Amino acid sequence: MKKLLVTALVLGLGSSAALAQAAPTDFATIDADKDGAVTLTEAQAVWPQLTEEIFKAADVNADAKVDQAEYEAFLTANPPA
């Protein structure tokens, strides 16, 4: 799967590549409650330093959740370095 939130973490926080590679990156793993969307809380469980600002950049429809389409669109627009 895509690496949206890893990309956001790397771009927004300048974290190391080792940290980005160590965290799970597939949407299904990040979506802990399996409701089809990732909340900031779920994302921060994987990447504790993820900021609300970066999360909101991925949450295009501003519903406080990132669905799989938003996840993939953000990654496409912001490919990992």
PDB file of N, CA and C in Angstrom:
ATOM      1  N   MET A   1       0.833  -1.182   0.000  1.00  0.00           N
ATOM      2  CA  MET A   1       0.000   0.000   0.000  1.00  0.00           C
ATOM      3  C   MET A   1       0.879   1.248   0.000  1.00  0.00           C
ATOM      4  N   LYS A   2       0.197   2.353  -0.094  1.00  0.00           N
ATOM      5  CA  LYS A   2       0.902   3.625  -0.182  1.00  0.00           C
ATOM      6  C   LYS A   2       1.452   4.062   1.166  1.00  0.00           C
ATOM      7  N   LYS A   3       2.327   5.043   1.127  1.00  0.00           N
ATOM      8  CA  LYS A   3       3.022   5.501   2.328  1.00  0.00           C
ATOM      9  C   LYS A   3       2.705   6.956   2.645  1.00  0.00           C
ATOM     10  N   LEU A   4       1.440   7.349   2.583  1.00  0.00           N
ATOM     11  CA  LEU A   4       1.025   8.730   2.785  1.00  0.00           C
ATOM     12  C   LEU A   4       1.543   9.329   4.071  1.00  0.00           C
ATOM     13  N   LEU A   5       1.247   8.735   5.168  1.00  0.00           N
ATOM     14  CA  LEU A   5       1.594   9.368   6.428  1.00  0.00           C
ATOM     15  C   LEU A   5       3.087   9.321   6.691  1.00  0.00           C
ATOM     16  N   VAL A   6       3.769   8.325   6.178  1.00  0.00           N
ATOM     17  CA  VAL A   6       5.224   8.317   6.266  1.00  0.00           C
ATOM     18  C   VAL A   6       5.765   9.501   5.485  1.00  0.00           C
ATOM     19  N   THR A   7       5.209   9.732   4.300  1.00  0.00           N
ATOM     20  CA  THR A   7       5.634  10.862   3.495  1.00  0.00           C
ATOM     21  C   THR A   7       5.396  12.158   4.253  1.00  0.00           C
ATOM     22  N   ALA A   8       4.232  12.299   4.848  1.00  0.00           N
ATOM     23  CA  ALA A   8       3.919  13.503   5.608  1.00  0.00           C
ATOM     24  C   ALA A   8       4.888  13.672   6.761  1.00  0.00           C
ATOM     25  N   LEU A   9       5.181  12.599   7.441  1.00  0.00           N
ATOM     26  CA  LEU A   9       6.106  12.656   8.565  1.00  0.00           C
ATOM     27  C   LEU A   9       7.491  13.070   8.091  1.00  0.00           C
ATOM     28  N   VAL A  10       7.962  12.475   7.016  1.00  0.00           N
ATOM     29  CA  VAL A  10       9.290  12.794   6.498  1.00  0.00           C
ATOM     30  C   VAL A  10       9.341  14.238   6.008  1.00  0.00           C
ATOM     31  N   LEU A  11       8.329  14.664   5.253  1.00  0.00           N
ATOM     32  CA  LEU A  11       8.319  16.025   4.726  1.00  0.00           C
ATOM     33  C   LEU A  11       8.109  17.058   5.822  1.00  0.00           C
ATOM     34  N   GLY A  12       7.224  16.775   6.730  1.00  0.00           N
ATOM     35  CA  GLY A  12       6.857  17.760   7.738  1.00  0.00           C
ATOM     36  C   GLY A  12       7.793  17.838   8.916  1.00  0.00           C
ATOM     37  N   LEU A  13       8.399  16.737   9.277  1.00  0.00           N
ATOM     38  CA  LEU A  13       9.207  16.719  10.482  1.00  0.00           C
ATOM     39  C   LEU A  13      10.679  16.444  10.227  1.00  0.00           C
ATOM     40  N   GLY A  14      11.028  16.109   9.008  1.00  0.00           N
ATOM     41  CA  GLY A  14      12.417  15.847   8.690  1.00  0.00           C
ATOM     42  C   GLY A  14      12.959  14.642   9.426  1.00  0.00           C
ATOM     43  N   SER A  15      12.131  13.651   9.664  1.00  0.00           N
ATOM     44  CA  SER A  15      12.591  12.475  10.404  1.00  0.00           C
ATOM     45  C   SER A  15      13.542  11.647   9.561  1.00  0.00           C
ATOM     46  N   SER A  16      14.232  10.767  10.221  1.00  0.00           N
ATOM     47  CA  SER A  16      15.212   9.943   9.523  1.00  0.00           C
ATOM     48  C   SER A  16      14.544   8.879   8.674  1.00  0.00           C
ATOM     49  N   ALA A  17      15.228   8.437   7.657  1.00  0.00           N
ATOM     50  CA  ALA A  17      14.717   7.366   6.810  1.00  0.00           C
ATOM     51  C   ALA A  17      14.534   6.088   7.612  1.00  0.00           C
ATOM     52  N   ALA A  18      15.376   5.860   8.578  1.00  0.00           N
ATOM     53  CA  ALA A  18      15.257   4.653   9.405  1.00  0.00           C
ATOM     54  C   ALA A  18      13.947   4.644  10.170  1.00  0.00           C
ATOM     55  N   LEU A  19      13.547   5.784  10.729  1.00  0.00           N
ATOM     56  CA  LEU A  19      12.276   5.862  11.430  1.00  0.00           C
ATOM     57  C   LEU A  19      11.127   5.614  10.469  1.00  0.00           C
ATOM     58  N   ALA A  20      11.167   6.217   9.308  1.00  0.00           N
ATOM     59  CA  ALA A  20      10.100   6.051   8.332  1.00  0.00           C
ATOM     60  C   ALA A  20       9.970   4.607   7.891  1.00  0.00           C
ATOM     61  N   GLN A  21      11.082   3.921   7.741  1.00  0.00           N
ATOM     62  CA  GLN A  21      11.040   2.535   7.289  1.00  0.00           C
ATOM     63  C   GLN A  21      10.593   1.595   8.399  1.00  0.00           C
ATOM     64  N   ALA A  22      10.789   1.956   9.645  1.00  0.00           N
ATOM     65  CA  ALA A  22      10.467   1.078  10.755  1.00  0.00           C
ATOM     66  C   ALA A  22       8.965   1.030  11.039  1.00  0.00           C
ATOM     67  N   ALA A  23       8.232   2.079  10.742  1.00  0.00           N
ATOM     68  CA  ALA A  23       6.806   2.144  11.045  1.00  0.00           C
ATOM     69  C   ALA A  23       5.996   1.466   9.943  1.00  0.00           C
ATOM     70  N   PRO A  24       4.861   0.857  10.315  1.00  0.00           N
ATOM     71  CA  PRO A  24       3.987   0.294   9.279  1.00  0.00           C
ATOM     72  C   PRO A  24       3.450   1.413   8.408  1.00  0.00           C
ATOM     73  N   THR A  25       3.275   1.144   7.138  1.00  0.00           N
ATOM     74  CA  THR A  25       2.861   2.194   6.226  1.00  0.00           C
ATOM     75  C   THR A  25       1.622   1.866   5.422  1.00  0.00           C
ATOM     76  N   ASP A  26       1.144   0.635   5.478  1.00  0.00           N
ATOM     77  CA  ASP A  26      -0.034   0.327   4.679  1.00  0.00           C
ATOM     78  C   ASP A  26      -1.286   0.852   5.386  1.00  0.00           C
ATOM     79  N   PHE A  27      -2.226   1.312   4.601  1.00  0.00           N
ATOM     80  CA  PHE A  27      -3.431   1.946   5.116  1.00  0.00           C
ATOM     81  C   PHE A  27      -4.164   1.034   6.099  1.00  0.00           C
ATOM     82  N   ALA A  28      -4.301  -0.226   5.770  1.00  0.00           N
ATOM     83  CA  ALA A  28      -5.041  -1.159   6.624  1.00  0.00           C
ATOM     84  C   ALA A  28      -4.416  -1.292   8.011  1.00  0.00           C
ATOM     85  N   THR A  29      -3.120  -1.220   8.107  1.00  0.00           N
ATOM     86  CA  THR A  29      -2.452  -1.314   9.402  1.00  0.00           C
ATOM     87  C   THR A  29      -2.649  -0.033  10.210  1.00  0.00           C
ATOM     88  N   ILE A  30      -2.568   1.102   9.573  1.00  0.00           N
ATOM     89  CA  ILE A  30      -2.718   2.379  10.257  1.00  0.00           C
ATOM     90  C   ILE A  30      -4.165   2.568  10.725  1.00  0.00           C
ATOM     91  N   ASP A  31      -5.124   2.076   9.950  1.00  0.00           N
ATOM     92  CA  ASP A  31      -6.542   2.158  10.294  1.00  0.00           C
ATOM     93  C   ASP A  31      -6.854   1.104  11.364  1.00  0.00           C
ATOM     94  N   ALA A  32      -6.464   1.403  12.587  1.00  0.00           N
ATOM     95  CA  ALA A  32      -6.514   0.424  13.679  1.00  0.00           C
ATOM     96  C   ALA A  32      -7.915  -0.116  13.949  1.00  0.00           C
ATOM     97  N   ASP A  33      -8.935   0.722  13.846  1.00  0.00           N
ATOM     98  CA  ASP A  33     -10.282   0.243  14.143  1.00  0.00           C
ATOM     99  C   ASP A  33     -11.012  -0.283  12.907  1.00  0.00           C
ATOM    100  N   LYS A  34     -10.336  -0.294  11.783  1.00  0.00           N
ATOM    101  CA  LYS A  34     -10.845  -0.870  10.528  1.00  0.00           C
ATOM    102  C   LYS A  34     -12.171  -0.257  10.077  1.00  0.00           C
ATOM    103  N   ASP A  35     -12.321   1.060  10.293  1.00  0.00           N
ATOM    104  CA  ASP A  35     -13.550   1.729   9.864  1.00  0.00           C
ATOM    105  C   ASP A  35     -13.420   2.392   8.490  1.00  0.00           C
ATOM    106  N   GLY A  36     -12.282   2.208   7.834  1.00  0.00           N
ATOM    107  CA  GLY A  36     -12.081   2.767   6.503  1.00  0.00           C
ATOM    108  C   GLY A  36     -11.499   4.170   6.498  1.00  0.00           C
ATOM    109  N   ALA A  37     -11.094   4.650   7.677  1.00  0.00           N
ATOM    110  CA  ALA A  37     -10.510   5.984   7.771  1.00  0.00           C
ATOM    111  C   ALA A  37      -9.477   6.002   8.894  1.00  0.00           C
ATOM    112  N   VAL A  38      -8.505   6.886   8.747  1.00  0.00           N
ATOM    113  CA  VAL A  38      -7.458   7.041   9.757  1.00  0.00           C
ATOM    114  C   VAL A  38      -7.671   8.376  10.457  1.00  0.00           C
ATOM    115  N   THR A  39      -7.764   8.334  11.772  1.00  0.00           N
ATOM    116  CA  THR A  39      -7.878   9.556  12.569  1.00  0.00           C
ATOM    117  C   THR A  39      -6.475  10.024  12.949  1.00  0.00           C
ATOM    118  N   LEU A  40      -6.397  11.246  13.438  1.00  0.00           N
ATOM    119  CA  LEU A  40      -5.109  11.754  13.910  1.00  0.00           C
ATOM    120  C   LEU A  40      -4.579  10.858  15.022  1.00  0.00           C
ATOM    121  N   THR A  41      -5.445  10.411  15.900  1.00  0.00           N
ATOM    122  CA  THR A  41      -5.030   9.532  17.003  1.00  0.00           C
ATOM    123  C   THR A  41      -4.431   8.236  16.479  1.00  0.00           C
ATOM    124  N   GLU A  42      -5.076   7.631  15.481  1.00  0.00           N
ATOM    125  CA  GLU A  42      -4.540   6.399  14.896  1.00  0.00           C
ATOM    126  C   GLU A  42      -3.193   6.668  14.233  1.00  0.00           C
ATOM    127  N   ALA A  43      -3.096   7.771  13.516  1.00  0.00           N
ATOM    128  CA  ALA A  43      -1.839   8.108  12.836  1.00  0.00           C
ATOM    129  C   ALA A  43      -0.728   8.364  13.848  1.00  0.00           C
ATOM    130  N   GLN A  44      -1.061   9.065  14.925  1.00  0.00           N
ATOM    131  CA  GLN A  44      -0.043   9.362  15.937  1.00  0.00           C
ATOM    132  C   GLN A  44       0.351   8.121  16.737  1.00  0.00           C
ATOM    133  N   ALA A  45      -0.474   7.100  16.738  1.00  0.00           N
ATOM    134  CA  ALA A  45      -0.077   5.841  17.378  1.00  0.00           C
ATOM    135  C   ALA A  45       1.069   5.202  16.605  1.00  0.00           C
ATOM    136  N   VAL A  46       1.108   5.445  15.302  1.00  0.00           N
ATOM    137  CA  VAL A  46       2.178   4.926  14.450  1.00  0.00           C
ATOM    138  C   VAL A  46       3.351   5.904  14.416  1.00  0.00           C
ATOM    139  N   TRP A  47       3.051   7.184  14.275  1.00  0.00           N
ATOM    140  CA  TRP A  47       4.061   8.240  14.206  1.00  0.00           C
ATOM    141  C   TRP A  47       3.755   9.297  15.268  1.00  0.00           C
ATOM    142  N   PRO A  48       4.232   9.139  16.488  1.00  0.00           N
ATOM    143  CA  PRO A  48       3.894  10.039  17.594  1.00  0.00           C
ATOM    144  C   PRO A  48       4.199  11.514  17.335  1.00  0.00           C
ATOM    145  N   GLN A  49       5.141  11.812  16.473  1.00  0.00           N
ATOM    146  CA  GLN A  49       5.513  13.203  16.223  1.00  0.00           C
ATOM    147  C   GLN A  49       4.731  13.840  15.073  1.00  0.00           C
ATOM    148  N   LEU A  50       3.797  13.111  14.497  1.00  0.00           N
ATOM    149  CA  LEU A  50       2.993  13.653  13.408  1.00  0.00           C
ATOM    150  C   LEU A  50       2.164  14.824  13.929  1.00  0.00           C
ATOM    151  N   THR A  51       2.229  15.948  13.232  1.00  0.00           N
ATOM    152  CA  THR A  51       1.502  17.135  13.689  1.00  0.00           C
ATOM    153  C   THR A  51       0.096  17.180  13.101  1.00  0.00           C
ATOM    154  N   GLU A  52      -0.758  17.907  13.781  1.00  0.00           N
ATOM    155  CA  GLU A  52      -2.126  18.104  13.293  1.00  0.00           C
ATOM    156  C   GLU A  52      -2.111  18.838  11.952  1.00  0.00           C
ATOM    157  N   GLU A  53      -1.184  19.761  11.789  1.00  0.00           N
ATOM    158  CA  GLU A  53      -1.078  20.520  10.540  1.00  0.00           C
ATOM    159  C   GLU A  53      -0.815  19.597   9.344  1.00  0.00           C
ATOM    160  N   ILE A  54       0.092  18.675   9.494  1.00  0.00           N
ATOM    161  CA  ILE A  54       0.401  17.748   8.406  1.00  0.00           C
ATOM    162  C   ILE A  54      -0.784  16.827   8.155  1.00  0.00           C
ATOM    163  N   PHE A  55      -1.396  16.348   9.230  1.00  0.00           N
ATOM    164  CA  PHE A  55      -2.561  15.486   9.079  1.00  0.00           C
ATOM    165  C   PHE A  55      -3.668  16.207   8.311  1.00  0.00           C
ATOM    166  N   LYS A  56      -3.919  17.466   8.664  1.00  0.00           N
ATOM    167  CA  LYS A  56      -4.962  18.242   7.996  1.00  0.00           C
ATOM    168  C   LYS A  56      -4.657  18.444   6.511  1.00  0.00           C
ATOM    169  N   ALA A  57      -3.392  18.504   6.153  1.00  0.00           N
ATOM    170  CA  ALA A  57      -3.031  18.643   4.742  1.00  0.00           C
ATOM    171  C   ALA A  57      -3.485  17.432   3.936  1.00  0.00           C
ATOM    172  N   ALA A  58      -3.492  16.278   4.560  1.00  0.00           N
ATOM    173  CA  ALA A  58      -3.944  15.059   3.885  1.00  0.00           C
ATOM    174  C   ALA A  58      -5.466  14.920   3.925  1.00  0.00           C
ATOM    175  N   ASP A  59      -6.105  15.520   4.916  1.00  0.00           N
ATOM    176  CA  ASP A  59      -7.559  15.426   5.118  1.00  0.00           C
ATOM    177  C   ASP A  59      -8.259  16.473   4.253  1.00  0.00           C
ATOM    178  N   VAL A  60      -8.360  16.205   2.979  1.00  0.00           N
ATOM    179  CA  VAL A  60      -8.850  17.171   2.001  1.00  0.00           C
ATOM    180  C   VAL A  60     -10.277  17.633   2.296  1.00  0.00           C
ATOM    181  N   ASN A  61     -11.151  16.736   2.704  1.00  0.00           N
ATOM    182  CA  ASN A  61     -12.546  17.124   2.935  1.00  0.00           C
ATOM    183  C   ASN A  61     -12.794  17.616   4.364  1.00  0.00           C
ATOM    184  N   ALA A  62     -11.751  17.741   5.146  1.00  0.00           N
ATOM    185  CA  ALA A  62     -11.806  18.309   6.503  1.00  0.00           C
ATOM    186  C   ALA A  62     -12.828  17.637   7.415  1.00  0.00           C
ATOM    187  N   ASP A  63     -12.900  16.304   7.331  1.00  0.00           N
ATOM    188  CA  ASP A  63     -13.820  15.570   8.205  1.00  0.00           C
ATOM    189  C   ASP A  63     -13.105  14.936   9.400  1.00  0.00           C
ATOM    190  N   ALA A  64     -11.861  15.352   9.619  1.00  0.00           N
ATOM    191  CA  ALA A  64     -11.029  14.860  10.734  1.00  0.00           C
ATOM    192  C   ALA A  64     -10.627  13.404  10.577  1.00  0.00           C
ATOM    193  N   LYS A  65     -10.716  12.897   9.345  1.00  0.00           N
ATOM    194  CA  LYS A  65     -10.289  11.527   9.030  1.00  0.00           C
ATOM    195  C   LYS A  65      -9.626  11.537   7.656  1.00  0.00           C
ATOM    196  N   VAL A  66      -8.685  10.656   7.463  1.00  0.00           N
ATOM    197  CA  VAL A  66      -8.077  10.470   6.149  1.00  0.00           C
ATOM    198  C   VAL A  66      -8.538   9.118   5.644  1.00  0.00           C
ATOM    199  N   ASP A  67      -9.318   9.143   4.552  1.00  0.00           N
ATOM    200  CA  ASP A  67      -9.750   7.875   3.967  1.00  0.00           C
ATOM    201  C   ASP A  67      -8.692   7.383   2.989  1.00  0.00           C
ATOM    202  N   GLN A  68      -8.894   6.211   2.446  1.00  0.00           N
ATOM    203  CA  GLN A  68      -7.861   5.633   1.595  1.00  0.00           C
ATOM    204  C   GLN A  68      -7.609   6.475   0.349  1.00  0.00           C
ATOM    205  N   ALA A  69      -8.645   7.072  -0.224  1.00  0.00           N
ATOM    206  CA  ALA A  69      -8.462   7.921  -1.412  1.00  0.00           C
ATOM    207  C   ALA A  69      -7.616   9.151  -1.071  1.00  0.00           C
ATOM    208  N   GLU A  70      -7.881   9.781   0.077  1.00  0.00           N
ATOM    209  CA  GLU A  70      -7.080  10.931   0.499  1.00  0.00           C
ATOM    210  C   GLU A  70      -5.640  10.506   0.770  1.00  0.00           C
ATOM    211  N   TYR A  71      -5.502   9.352   1.390  1.00  0.00           N
ATOM    212  CA  TYR A  71      -4.189   8.780   1.700  1.00  0.00           C
ATOM    213  C   TYR A  71      -3.358   8.620   0.425  1.00  0.00           C
ATOM    214  N   GLU A  72      -3.966   7.988  -0.573  1.00  0.00           N
ATOM    215  CA  GLU A  72      -3.256   7.745  -1.832  1.00  0.00           C
ATOM    216  C   GLU A  72      -3.026   9.031  -2.617  1.00  0.00           C
ATOM    217  N   ALA A  73      -3.984   9.952  -2.597  1.00  0.00           N
ATOM    218  CA  ALA A  73      -3.812  11.225  -3.306  1.00  0.00           C
ATOM    219  C   ALA A  73      -2.682  12.043  -2.696  1.00  0.00           C
ATOM    220  N   PHE A  74      -2.621  12.065  -1.369  1.00  0.00           N
ATOM    221  CA  PHE A  74      -1.560  12.828  -0.709  1.00  0.00           C
ATOM    222  C   PHE A  74      -0.201  12.239  -1.058  1.00  0.00           C
ATOM    223  N   LEU A  75      -0.104  10.933  -1.061  1.00  0.00           N
ATOM    224  CA  LEU A  75       1.155  10.291  -1.406  1.00  0.00           C
ATOM    225  C   LEU A  75       1.550  10.583  -2.846  1.00  0.00           C
ATOM    226  N   THR A  76       0.583  10.529  -3.747  1.00  0.00           N
ATOM    227  CA  THR A  76       0.863  10.813  -5.155  1.00  0.00           C
ATOM    228  C   THR A  76       1.389  12.239  -5.320  1.00  0.00           C
ATOM    229  N   ALA A  77       0.797  13.173  -4.608  1.00  0.00           N
ATOM    230  CA  ALA A  77       1.212  14.574  -4.689  1.00  0.00           C
ATOM    231  C   ALA A  77       2.523  14.843  -3.950  1.00  0.00           C
ATOM    232  N   ASN A  78       2.870  13.972  -3.011  1.00  0.00           N
ATOM    233  CA  ASN A  78       4.055  14.161  -2.163  1.00  0.00           C
ATOM    234  C   ASN A  78       4.845  12.861  -2.063  1.00  0.00           C
ATOM    235  N   PRO A  79       5.436  12.415  -3.165  1.00  0.00           N
ATOM    236  CA  PRO A  79       6.121  11.124  -3.130  1.00  0.00           C
ATOM    237  C   PRO A  79       7.305  11.144  -2.162  1.00  0.00           C
ATOM    238  N   PRO A  80       7.588   9.994  -1.541  1.00  0.00           N
ATOM    239  CA  PRO A  80       8.736   9.908  -0.636  1.00  0.00           C
ATOM    240  C   PRO A  80      10.016  10.287  -1.356  1.00  0.00           C
ATOM    241  N   ALA A  81      10.906  10.917  -0.639  1.00  0.00           N
ATOM    242  CA  ALA A  81      12.194  11.331  -1.220  1.00  0.00           C
ATOM    243  C   ALA A  81      13.098  10.140  -1.433  1.00  0.00           C
TER     244      ALA A  81
END
